[in-house]
N, C-alpha and C. Protein backbone atom coordinates (compact mmCIF):
# COMPACT_ATOMS: atom_id res chain seq x y z
N MET A 1 -90.88 223.92 -111.84
CA MET A 1 -91.73 223.56 -110.71
C MET A 1 -93.19 223.52 -111.14
N LYS A 2 -93.52 222.63 -112.01
CA LYS A 2 -94.89 222.59 -112.50
C LYS A 2 -95.72 221.54 -111.80
N GLY A 3 -95.09 220.43 -111.39
CA GLY A 3 -95.83 219.34 -110.78
C GLY A 3 -96.00 219.53 -109.29
N ASN A 4 -96.45 218.49 -108.64
CA ASN A 4 -96.68 218.56 -107.21
C ASN A 4 -96.18 217.33 -106.49
N SER A 5 -95.18 216.65 -107.04
CA SER A 5 -94.64 215.45 -106.42
C SER A 5 -93.66 215.86 -105.33
N LEU A 6 -94.13 215.81 -104.07
CA LEU A 6 -93.32 216.23 -102.93
C LEU A 6 -92.90 215.01 -102.14
N ARG A 7 -91.59 214.93 -101.85
CA ARG A 7 -91.04 213.82 -101.09
C ARG A 7 -90.01 214.38 -100.12
N VAL A 8 -89.98 213.86 -98.90
CA VAL A 8 -88.99 214.24 -97.92
C VAL A 8 -88.15 213.01 -97.60
N ALA A 9 -86.83 213.17 -97.62
CA ALA A 9 -85.92 212.06 -97.36
C ALA A 9 -84.89 212.45 -96.31
N THR A 10 -84.51 211.47 -95.50
CA THR A 10 -83.40 211.64 -94.57
C THR A 10 -82.14 211.23 -95.32
N LEU A 11 -81.15 212.11 -95.35
CA LEU A 11 -79.97 211.86 -96.15
C LEU A 11 -78.83 211.28 -95.32
N THR A 12 -78.11 210.35 -95.92
CA THR A 12 -76.85 209.89 -95.35
C THR A 12 -75.81 210.97 -95.60
N ALA A 13 -74.66 210.83 -94.98
CA ALA A 13 -73.58 211.80 -95.20
C ALA A 13 -73.18 211.82 -96.67
N GLY A 14 -73.10 210.67 -97.29
CA GLY A 14 -72.72 210.62 -98.71
C GLY A 14 -73.74 211.29 -99.61
N GLU A 15 -75.02 211.03 -99.34
CA GLU A 15 -76.08 211.68 -100.12
C GLU A 15 -76.05 213.19 -99.94
N ALA A 16 -75.85 213.63 -98.69
CA ALA A 16 -75.80 215.06 -98.42
C ALA A 16 -74.59 215.70 -99.10
N ARG A 17 -73.46 215.01 -99.05
CA ARG A 17 -72.25 215.54 -99.70
C ARG A 17 -72.49 215.77 -101.18
N ALA A 18 -73.16 214.83 -101.83
CA ALA A 18 -73.44 214.96 -103.26
C ALA A 18 -74.39 216.12 -103.56
N LEU A 19 -75.20 216.50 -102.58
CA LEU A 19 -76.17 217.58 -102.79
C LEU A 19 -75.72 218.93 -102.25
N ILE A 20 -74.47 219.04 -101.81
CA ILE A 20 -74.00 220.31 -101.24
C ILE A 20 -74.26 221.49 -102.17
N PRO A 21 -73.98 221.40 -103.46
CA PRO A 21 -74.25 222.58 -104.32
C PRO A 21 -75.73 222.99 -104.32
N ALA A 22 -76.63 222.01 -104.38
CA ALA A 22 -78.07 222.33 -104.37
C ALA A 22 -78.50 222.87 -103.01
N LEU A 23 -78.02 222.28 -101.93
CA LEU A 23 -78.37 222.76 -100.58
C LEU A 23 -77.83 224.17 -100.36
N ALA A 24 -76.61 224.42 -100.85
CA ALA A 24 -76.04 225.77 -100.74
C ALA A 24 -76.90 226.77 -101.51
N GLY A 25 -77.42 226.36 -102.66
CA GLY A 25 -78.30 227.24 -103.43
C GLY A 25 -79.57 227.59 -102.67
N ILE A 26 -80.13 226.63 -101.95
CA ILE A 26 -81.33 226.88 -101.14
C ILE A 26 -80.99 227.88 -100.03
N LEU A 27 -79.88 227.66 -99.35
CA LEU A 27 -79.46 228.56 -98.27
C LEU A 27 -79.25 229.98 -98.80
N ILE A 28 -78.55 230.10 -99.92
CA ILE A 28 -78.30 231.43 -100.51
C ILE A 28 -79.62 232.12 -100.84
N ASP A 29 -80.54 231.38 -101.45
CA ASP A 29 -81.83 231.97 -101.81
C ASP A 29 -82.57 232.46 -100.57
N CYS A 30 -82.56 231.68 -99.50
CA CYS A 30 -83.27 232.08 -98.28
C CYS A 30 -82.64 233.33 -97.66
N VAL A 31 -81.32 233.36 -97.59
CA VAL A 31 -80.65 234.53 -97.01
C VAL A 31 -80.90 235.76 -97.88
N GLU A 32 -80.79 235.59 -99.20
CA GLU A 32 -81.05 236.72 -100.10
C GLU A 32 -82.51 237.17 -100.02
N GLY A 33 -83.40 236.26 -99.61
CA GLY A 33 -84.80 236.60 -99.44
C GLY A 33 -85.11 237.19 -98.07
N GLY A 34 -84.09 237.37 -97.23
CA GLY A 34 -84.29 238.03 -95.94
C GLY A 34 -84.37 237.13 -94.73
N ALA A 35 -84.16 235.83 -94.89
CA ALA A 35 -84.26 234.92 -93.75
C ALA A 35 -83.09 235.12 -92.79
N SER A 36 -83.42 235.26 -91.52
CA SER A 36 -82.40 235.40 -90.48
C SER A 36 -82.03 234.01 -89.99
N VAL A 37 -81.04 233.41 -90.67
CA VAL A 37 -80.64 232.03 -90.36
C VAL A 37 -79.13 231.94 -90.15
N SER A 38 -78.58 232.93 -89.47
CA SER A 38 -77.19 232.98 -89.04
C SER A 38 -76.21 233.57 -90.06
N PHE A 39 -76.66 233.92 -91.24
CA PHE A 39 -75.76 234.42 -92.28
C PHE A 39 -76.12 235.86 -92.65
N MET A 40 -75.11 236.58 -93.09
CA MET A 40 -75.28 237.98 -93.47
C MET A 40 -75.10 238.13 -94.97
N LEU A 41 -75.68 239.20 -95.52
CA LEU A 41 -75.49 239.54 -96.93
C LEU A 41 -74.21 240.35 -97.08
N PRO A 42 -73.51 240.22 -98.16
CA PRO A 42 -73.75 239.23 -99.20
C PRO A 42 -73.24 237.87 -98.76
N ILE A 43 -73.94 236.82 -99.15
CA ILE A 43 -73.51 235.45 -98.86
C ILE A 43 -72.98 234.86 -100.17
N ASP A 44 -71.80 234.29 -100.10
CA ASP A 44 -71.24 233.71 -101.32
C ASP A 44 -71.38 232.18 -101.29
N ARG A 45 -71.19 231.58 -102.44
CA ARG A 45 -71.35 230.13 -102.59
C ARG A 45 -70.39 229.36 -101.69
N ALA A 46 -69.15 229.82 -101.56
CA ALA A 46 -68.18 229.11 -100.73
C ALA A 46 -68.65 229.05 -99.27
N THR A 47 -69.19 230.15 -98.76
CA THR A 47 -69.69 230.18 -97.39
C THR A 47 -70.83 229.19 -97.22
N ALA A 48 -71.77 229.18 -98.16
CA ALA A 48 -72.92 228.27 -98.08
C ALA A 48 -72.48 226.82 -98.20
N GLU A 49 -71.56 226.54 -99.11
CA GLU A 49 -71.08 225.15 -99.27
C GLU A 49 -70.28 224.70 -98.05
N ASN A 50 -69.48 225.61 -97.46
CA ASN A 50 -68.75 225.26 -96.24
C ASN A 50 -69.71 224.94 -95.09
N PHE A 51 -70.80 225.68 -95.01
CA PHE A 51 -71.80 225.38 -93.98
C PHE A 51 -72.31 223.95 -94.14
N TYR A 52 -72.68 223.57 -95.36
CA TYR A 52 -73.22 222.23 -95.57
C TYR A 52 -72.14 221.15 -95.46
N GLN A 53 -70.89 221.49 -95.72
CA GLN A 53 -69.81 220.53 -95.46
C GLN A 53 -69.76 220.23 -93.96
N GLY A 54 -69.96 221.26 -93.14
CA GLY A 54 -70.03 221.07 -91.69
C GLY A 54 -71.21 220.21 -91.29
N VAL A 55 -72.35 220.39 -91.97
CA VAL A 55 -73.52 219.55 -91.70
C VAL A 55 -73.20 218.09 -92.02
N VAL A 56 -72.52 217.85 -93.14
CA VAL A 56 -72.13 216.48 -93.51
C VAL A 56 -71.27 215.86 -92.40
N GLU A 57 -70.34 216.63 -91.87
CA GLU A 57 -69.50 216.13 -90.78
C GLU A 57 -70.33 215.78 -89.55
N LYS A 58 -71.34 216.59 -89.27
CA LYS A 58 -72.22 216.31 -88.13
C LYS A 58 -73.08 215.08 -88.37
N ILE A 59 -73.49 214.85 -89.62
CA ILE A 59 -74.21 213.62 -89.94
C ILE A 59 -73.30 212.43 -89.69
N ASP A 60 -72.04 212.55 -90.15
CA ASP A 60 -71.05 211.48 -89.96
C ASP A 60 -70.85 211.14 -88.49
N ASN A 61 -70.82 212.15 -87.61
CA ASN A 61 -70.56 211.85 -86.19
C ASN A 61 -71.84 211.63 -85.38
N GLY A 62 -73.00 211.66 -86.05
CA GLY A 62 -74.25 211.34 -85.38
C GLY A 62 -74.89 212.47 -84.60
N SER A 63 -74.39 213.69 -84.76
CA SER A 63 -74.96 214.79 -83.99
C SER A 63 -76.03 215.56 -84.75
N THR A 64 -76.27 215.22 -86.02
CA THR A 64 -77.29 215.89 -86.81
C THR A 64 -77.92 214.91 -87.80
N ILE A 65 -79.21 215.10 -88.01
CA ILE A 65 -79.96 214.37 -89.03
C ILE A 65 -80.45 215.43 -90.01
N LEU A 66 -80.20 215.21 -91.30
CA LEU A 66 -80.61 216.17 -92.32
C LEU A 66 -81.76 215.59 -93.13
N LEU A 67 -82.85 216.34 -93.19
CA LEU A 67 -84.00 215.95 -94.01
C LEU A 67 -84.11 216.96 -95.14
N VAL A 68 -84.33 216.45 -96.34
CA VAL A 68 -84.40 217.31 -97.53
C VAL A 68 -85.72 217.05 -98.24
N ALA A 69 -86.36 218.12 -98.67
CA ALA A 69 -87.61 218.04 -99.44
C ALA A 69 -87.27 218.13 -100.92
N PHE A 70 -87.87 217.23 -101.69
CA PHE A 70 -87.71 217.20 -103.13
C PHE A 70 -89.07 217.45 -103.77
N LEU A 71 -89.15 218.43 -104.63
CA LEU A 71 -90.37 218.71 -105.37
C LEU A 71 -90.08 218.35 -106.82
N ASP A 72 -90.82 217.36 -107.32
CA ASP A 72 -90.58 216.84 -108.67
C ASP A 72 -89.11 216.45 -108.85
N GLY A 73 -88.53 215.84 -107.82
CA GLY A 73 -87.16 215.34 -107.87
C GLY A 73 -86.08 216.35 -107.61
N GLU A 74 -86.43 217.63 -107.46
CA GLU A 74 -85.44 218.69 -107.25
C GLU A 74 -85.42 219.09 -105.77
N PRO A 75 -84.23 219.17 -105.15
CA PRO A 75 -84.17 219.62 -103.75
C PRO A 75 -84.63 221.07 -103.64
N VAL A 76 -85.62 221.31 -102.75
CA VAL A 76 -86.16 222.66 -102.60
C VAL A 76 -86.23 223.12 -101.14
N GLY A 77 -85.89 222.25 -100.21
CA GLY A 77 -85.95 222.62 -98.81
C GLY A 77 -85.17 221.65 -97.95
N ALA A 78 -84.84 222.09 -96.74
CA ALA A 78 -84.08 221.25 -95.82
C ALA A 78 -84.36 221.68 -94.39
N VAL A 79 -84.14 220.74 -93.48
CA VAL A 79 -84.23 221.03 -92.05
C VAL A 79 -83.31 220.04 -91.35
N GLN A 80 -82.81 220.46 -90.20
CA GLN A 80 -81.92 219.60 -89.42
C GLN A 80 -82.54 219.29 -88.07
N LEU A 81 -82.31 218.07 -87.62
CA LEU A 81 -82.68 217.64 -86.28
C LEU A 81 -81.38 217.30 -85.57
N SER A 82 -81.14 217.98 -84.46
CA SER A 82 -79.92 217.76 -83.69
C SER A 82 -80.28 217.22 -82.32
N PRO A 83 -80.20 215.88 -82.17
CA PRO A 83 -80.49 215.29 -80.86
C PRO A 83 -79.50 215.79 -79.82
N GLU A 84 -80.01 216.14 -78.66
CA GLU A 84 -79.15 216.61 -77.57
C GLU A 84 -78.30 215.43 -77.10
N LEU A 85 -77.01 215.66 -76.94
CA LEU A 85 -76.10 214.59 -76.58
C LEU A 85 -75.74 214.58 -75.09
N LYS A 86 -76.26 215.54 -74.32
CA LYS A 86 -75.98 215.57 -72.89
C LYS A 86 -76.70 214.39 -72.21
N PRO A 87 -76.04 213.76 -71.23
CA PRO A 87 -76.64 212.58 -70.60
C PRO A 87 -77.96 212.84 -69.89
N ASN A 88 -78.19 214.09 -69.44
CA ASN A 88 -79.44 214.36 -68.72
C ASN A 88 -80.55 214.85 -69.64
N GLN A 89 -80.35 214.78 -70.99
CA GLN A 89 -81.38 215.24 -71.91
C GLN A 89 -81.56 214.26 -73.08
N PRO A 90 -81.68 212.97 -72.79
CA PRO A 90 -81.79 211.99 -73.87
C PRO A 90 -83.13 212.03 -74.61
N HIS A 91 -84.04 212.81 -74.12
CA HIS A 91 -85.40 212.89 -74.66
C HIS A 91 -85.60 214.11 -75.56
N ARG A 92 -84.55 214.94 -75.76
CA ARG A 92 -84.69 216.24 -76.37
C ARG A 92 -83.87 216.36 -77.65
N ALA A 93 -84.35 217.24 -78.56
CA ALA A 93 -83.60 217.56 -79.78
C ALA A 93 -83.95 218.98 -80.21
N ASP A 94 -83.04 219.58 -80.96
CA ASP A 94 -83.26 220.91 -81.52
C ASP A 94 -83.55 220.79 -83.01
N VAL A 95 -84.48 221.60 -83.46
CA VAL A 95 -84.79 221.70 -84.89
C VAL A 95 -84.10 222.95 -85.38
N GLN A 96 -83.33 222.81 -86.48
CA GLN A 96 -82.52 223.93 -86.94
C GLN A 96 -82.62 224.12 -88.45
N LYS A 97 -82.53 225.35 -88.85
CA LYS A 97 -82.37 225.74 -90.25
C LYS A 97 -83.45 225.17 -91.17
N LEU A 98 -84.71 225.42 -90.84
CA LEU A 98 -85.77 225.09 -91.80
C LEU A 98 -85.65 226.09 -92.94
N LEU A 99 -85.33 225.58 -94.12
CA LEU A 99 -85.11 226.42 -95.29
C LEU A 99 -85.97 225.90 -96.44
N VAL A 100 -86.70 226.80 -97.09
CA VAL A 100 -87.48 226.46 -98.27
C VAL A 100 -87.17 227.50 -99.33
N HIS A 101 -86.74 227.05 -100.49
CA HIS A 101 -86.44 227.96 -101.60
C HIS A 101 -87.70 228.77 -101.90
N ARG A 102 -87.53 230.05 -102.21
CA ARG A 102 -88.69 230.92 -102.43
C ARG A 102 -89.59 230.42 -103.56
N ARG A 103 -89.02 229.79 -104.58
CA ARG A 103 -89.87 229.32 -105.69
C ARG A 103 -90.73 228.12 -105.30
N ALA A 104 -90.46 227.51 -104.15
CA ALA A 104 -91.22 226.34 -103.71
C ALA A 104 -92.13 226.65 -102.53
N ARG A 105 -92.20 227.89 -102.13
CA ARG A 105 -93.02 228.24 -100.95
C ARG A 105 -94.50 228.18 -101.27
N ASN A 106 -95.28 228.03 -100.22
CA ASN A 106 -96.75 227.93 -100.30
C ASN A 106 -97.19 226.70 -101.09
N ARG A 107 -96.39 225.65 -101.01
CA ARG A 107 -96.72 224.39 -101.68
C ARG A 107 -96.66 223.23 -100.70
N GLY A 108 -96.61 223.52 -99.39
CA GLY A 108 -96.61 222.48 -98.37
C GLY A 108 -95.24 221.94 -98.02
N VAL A 109 -94.19 222.54 -98.55
CA VAL A 109 -92.84 222.02 -98.32
C VAL A 109 -92.44 222.17 -96.86
N GLY A 110 -92.61 223.36 -96.29
CA GLY A 110 -92.24 223.59 -94.89
C GLY A 110 -93.01 222.67 -93.95
N GLY A 111 -94.30 222.55 -94.17
CA GLY A 111 -95.12 221.66 -93.34
C GLY A 111 -94.69 220.21 -93.46
N ALA A 112 -94.36 219.78 -94.68
CA ALA A 112 -93.91 218.39 -94.89
C ALA A 112 -92.58 218.15 -94.20
N LEU A 113 -91.66 219.11 -94.28
CA LEU A 113 -90.38 218.96 -93.60
C LEU A 113 -90.57 218.88 -92.09
N MET A 114 -91.45 219.73 -91.54
CA MET A 114 -91.67 219.71 -90.10
C MET A 114 -92.36 218.43 -89.64
N ALA A 115 -93.30 217.91 -90.44
CA ALA A 115 -93.94 216.63 -90.09
C ALA A 115 -92.90 215.52 -90.11
N ALA A 116 -92.02 215.52 -91.09
CA ALA A 116 -90.99 214.49 -91.19
C ALA A 116 -89.98 214.60 -90.06
N VAL A 117 -89.62 215.82 -89.67
CA VAL A 117 -88.66 215.97 -88.58
C VAL A 117 -89.28 215.50 -87.26
N GLU A 118 -90.57 215.74 -87.07
CA GLU A 118 -91.22 215.26 -85.86
C GLU A 118 -91.28 213.73 -85.83
N GLU A 119 -91.59 213.11 -86.95
CA GLU A 119 -91.62 211.63 -87.01
C GLU A 119 -90.22 211.06 -86.78
N THR A 120 -89.23 211.70 -87.34
CA THR A 120 -87.84 211.26 -87.15
C THR A 120 -87.45 211.37 -85.68
N ALA A 121 -87.83 212.46 -85.05
CA ALA A 121 -87.52 212.65 -83.63
C ALA A 121 -88.18 211.55 -82.79
N LYS A 122 -89.44 211.27 -83.06
CA LYS A 122 -90.13 210.21 -82.31
C LYS A 122 -89.43 208.87 -82.48
N ALA A 123 -89.02 208.56 -83.71
CA ALA A 123 -88.33 207.30 -83.98
C ALA A 123 -86.99 207.22 -83.24
N GLN A 124 -86.41 208.37 -82.93
CA GLN A 124 -85.15 208.43 -82.20
C GLN A 124 -85.37 208.49 -80.68
N GLY A 125 -86.64 208.46 -80.25
CA GLY A 125 -86.94 208.56 -78.83
C GLY A 125 -86.84 209.97 -78.29
N ARG A 126 -86.88 210.94 -79.19
CA ARG A 126 -86.80 212.36 -78.81
C ARG A 126 -88.20 212.95 -78.89
N TRP A 127 -88.77 213.26 -77.74
CA TRP A 127 -90.16 213.73 -77.76
C TRP A 127 -90.33 215.19 -77.38
N LEU A 128 -89.25 215.84 -76.93
CA LEU A 128 -89.32 217.26 -76.63
C LEU A 128 -88.42 217.99 -77.63
N LEU A 129 -89.04 218.83 -78.46
CA LEU A 129 -88.29 219.55 -79.49
C LEU A 129 -88.28 221.04 -79.19
N CYS A 130 -87.19 221.70 -79.56
CA CYS A 130 -87.03 223.14 -79.37
C CYS A 130 -86.54 223.75 -80.67
N LEU A 131 -86.91 225.00 -80.90
CA LEU A 131 -86.41 225.74 -82.05
C LEU A 131 -86.56 227.22 -81.80
N ASP A 132 -85.90 228.01 -82.63
CA ASP A 132 -86.09 229.46 -82.57
C ASP A 132 -86.18 230.00 -83.98
N THR A 133 -86.81 231.17 -84.11
CA THR A 133 -86.99 231.80 -85.42
C THR A 133 -87.12 233.30 -85.25
N ALA A 134 -86.91 234.00 -86.34
CA ALA A 134 -87.06 235.45 -86.31
C ALA A 134 -88.52 235.81 -86.03
N THR A 135 -88.72 236.68 -85.07
CA THR A 135 -90.06 237.12 -84.71
C THR A 135 -90.70 237.86 -85.89
N GLY A 136 -91.94 237.50 -86.20
CA GLY A 136 -92.65 238.13 -87.30
C GLY A 136 -92.41 237.48 -88.65
N SER A 137 -91.64 236.42 -88.68
CA SER A 137 -91.31 235.76 -89.95
C SER A 137 -92.41 234.80 -90.38
N GLU A 138 -92.35 234.40 -91.65
CA GLU A 138 -93.27 233.38 -92.15
C GLU A 138 -93.10 232.09 -91.37
N ALA A 139 -91.86 231.78 -90.99
CA ALA A 139 -91.60 230.55 -90.23
C ALA A 139 -92.32 230.59 -88.88
N GLU A 140 -92.33 231.74 -88.23
CA GLU A 140 -93.02 231.85 -86.94
C GLU A 140 -94.50 231.50 -87.10
N ARG A 141 -95.11 232.02 -88.15
CA ARG A 141 -96.53 231.71 -88.39
C ARG A 141 -96.73 230.23 -88.69
N LEU A 142 -95.80 229.62 -89.42
CA LEU A 142 -95.90 228.19 -89.72
C LEU A 142 -95.83 227.37 -88.43
N TYR A 143 -94.89 227.67 -87.56
CA TYR A 143 -94.76 226.90 -86.31
C TYR A 143 -96.01 227.02 -85.46
N GLU A 144 -96.57 228.21 -85.38
CA GLU A 144 -97.82 228.39 -84.62
C GLU A 144 -98.93 227.54 -85.22
N LYS A 145 -99.04 227.56 -86.55
CA LYS A 145 -100.07 226.77 -87.25
C LYS A 145 -99.89 225.27 -87.00
N LEU A 146 -98.64 224.84 -86.84
CA LEU A 146 -98.35 223.42 -86.63
C LEU A 146 -98.41 222.99 -85.17
N GLY A 147 -98.85 223.89 -84.30
CA GLY A 147 -99.06 223.52 -82.90
C GLY A 147 -97.87 223.66 -81.98
N TRP A 148 -96.84 224.36 -82.41
CA TRP A 148 -95.70 224.61 -81.54
C TRP A 148 -96.10 225.64 -80.49
N GLN A 149 -95.54 225.51 -79.29
CA GLN A 149 -95.85 226.40 -78.18
C GLN A 149 -94.78 227.49 -78.08
N ARG A 150 -95.24 228.72 -78.00
CA ARG A 150 -94.32 229.85 -77.88
C ARG A 150 -93.78 229.89 -76.45
N LEU A 151 -92.46 229.92 -76.33
CA LEU A 151 -91.83 230.04 -75.02
C LEU A 151 -91.64 231.51 -74.67
N GLY A 152 -91.21 232.30 -75.65
CA GLY A 152 -91.01 233.72 -75.40
C GLY A 152 -90.18 234.35 -76.50
N VAL A 153 -89.98 235.66 -76.36
CA VAL A 153 -89.25 236.44 -77.35
C VAL A 153 -88.04 237.06 -76.68
N LEU A 154 -86.90 236.93 -77.32
CA LEU A 154 -85.68 237.56 -76.86
C LEU A 154 -85.38 238.74 -77.79
N PRO A 155 -85.50 239.97 -77.28
CA PRO A 155 -85.30 241.14 -78.13
C PRO A 155 -83.86 241.25 -78.62
N ARG A 156 -83.71 241.70 -79.87
CA ARG A 156 -82.41 241.98 -80.47
C ARG A 156 -81.44 240.81 -80.34
N HIS A 157 -81.94 239.61 -80.47
CA HIS A 157 -81.13 238.39 -80.30
C HIS A 157 -80.19 238.14 -81.48
N ALA A 158 -80.58 238.56 -82.67
CA ALA A 158 -79.78 238.29 -83.87
C ALA A 158 -79.88 239.50 -84.81
N LEU A 159 -79.24 239.37 -85.95
CA LEU A 159 -79.31 240.40 -86.97
C LEU A 159 -80.02 239.85 -88.20
N TRP A 160 -80.75 240.73 -88.88
CA TRP A 160 -81.28 240.38 -90.19
C TRP A 160 -80.10 240.29 -91.15
N PRO A 161 -80.20 239.54 -92.24
CA PRO A 161 -79.06 239.40 -93.15
C PRO A 161 -78.59 240.74 -93.74
N GLN A 162 -79.49 241.69 -93.89
CA GLN A 162 -79.14 242.99 -94.45
C GLN A 162 -78.70 243.98 -93.36
N GLY A 163 -78.71 243.52 -92.11
CA GLY A 163 -78.34 244.36 -90.98
C GLY A 163 -79.58 244.78 -90.20
N GLY A 164 -79.38 245.26 -89.02
CA GLY A 164 -80.49 245.63 -88.14
C GLY A 164 -80.88 244.46 -87.25
N PHE A 165 -81.27 244.78 -86.04
CA PHE A 165 -81.59 243.75 -85.07
C PHE A 165 -82.91 243.04 -85.37
N SER A 166 -82.92 241.77 -85.05
CA SER A 166 -84.12 240.93 -85.16
C SER A 166 -84.40 240.32 -83.80
N ASP A 167 -85.65 240.40 -83.37
CA ASP A 167 -86.06 239.66 -82.18
C ASP A 167 -86.17 238.19 -82.56
N THR A 168 -86.01 237.31 -81.58
CA THR A 168 -86.09 235.87 -81.82
C THR A 168 -87.16 235.27 -80.93
N THR A 169 -88.05 234.48 -81.54
CA THR A 169 -89.09 233.77 -80.80
C THR A 169 -88.65 232.33 -80.61
N PHE A 170 -88.75 231.85 -79.38
CA PHE A 170 -88.38 230.47 -79.04
C PHE A 170 -89.65 229.64 -78.90
N PHE A 171 -89.62 228.44 -79.47
CA PHE A 171 -90.76 227.52 -79.45
C PHE A 171 -90.33 226.16 -78.92
N TRP A 172 -91.33 225.41 -78.44
CA TRP A 172 -91.11 224.02 -78.05
C TRP A 172 -92.33 223.20 -78.43
N LYS A 173 -92.13 221.89 -78.54
CA LYS A 173 -93.25 221.00 -78.83
C LYS A 173 -93.02 219.68 -78.14
N ASP A 174 -94.05 219.22 -77.44
CA ASP A 174 -94.04 217.92 -76.75
C ASP A 174 -94.74 216.94 -77.68
N LEU A 175 -93.99 216.00 -78.24
CA LEU A 175 -94.55 215.05 -79.20
C LEU A 175 -95.35 213.93 -78.54
N THR A 176 -95.36 213.89 -77.20
CA THR A 176 -96.18 212.87 -76.53
C THR A 176 -97.62 213.32 -76.37
N ALA A 177 -97.86 214.62 -76.51
CA ALA A 177 -99.22 215.15 -76.36
C ALA A 177 -100.03 214.79 -77.61
N GLU A 178 -101.08 214.01 -77.43
CA GLU A 178 -101.91 213.63 -78.57
C GLU A 178 -102.88 214.73 -78.97
N PHE A 179 -103.41 215.42 -78.00
CA PHE A 179 -104.39 216.46 -78.29
C PHE A 179 -104.05 217.70 -77.49
N VAL A 180 -104.20 218.83 -78.10
CA VAL A 180 -104.08 220.11 -77.40
C VAL A 180 -105.47 220.72 -77.38
N ILE A 181 -106.00 220.92 -76.18
CA ILE A 181 -107.33 221.49 -76.04
C ILE A 181 -107.18 222.98 -75.80
N MET A 182 -107.67 223.74 -76.73
CA MET A 182 -107.56 225.20 -76.64
C MET A 182 -108.90 225.74 -76.11
N PRO A 183 -108.81 226.70 -75.18
CA PRO A 183 -110.05 227.31 -74.71
C PRO A 183 -110.69 228.12 -75.82
N PRO A 184 -112.04 228.23 -75.82
CA PRO A 184 -112.70 229.02 -76.85
C PRO A 184 -112.33 230.48 -76.72
N HIS A 185 -112.30 231.16 -77.85
CA HIS A 185 -112.04 232.61 -77.84
C HIS A 185 -113.27 233.33 -77.34
N GLU A 186 -113.05 234.32 -76.51
CA GLU A 186 -114.18 235.08 -75.98
C GLU A 186 -114.17 236.48 -76.52
């Protein structure tokens, strides 16, 4: 990871299938690094690869869009956009599993993935996005920095991968808002 060539791509099911081993490696690294992303320690390769096989199936049926970040040609991060399929919510989508390998952090990967997922959502006609993250996590700080609005915190909503309860912060973002005017701090 010496260069700085960062690219984000939306993957087809076939492209994602070919990258399952690399995507599983990113997931394993994040869980081993303490990320509360639905998996517990120890996480094995088969579990991580099965998860991404499920993502490939969702890409195939149109219920998920997978965006992957490549740094110098190597996959280092991923995020999913899941458009809501209910007839009364054609304007909404969920952002899920923002993952950045620890060796690629603090290089703009998370921000690039989130910018790409927002552009993808707009192109799909989805302007209201929702997500959740572990309270106090690096991801929570990233979402706040990127202008996401905090909805609230649900105590003891999930477990940390090593055990113990984690609070979960829920966020939303309206992509139709061009400017957010914040009152001055007093």
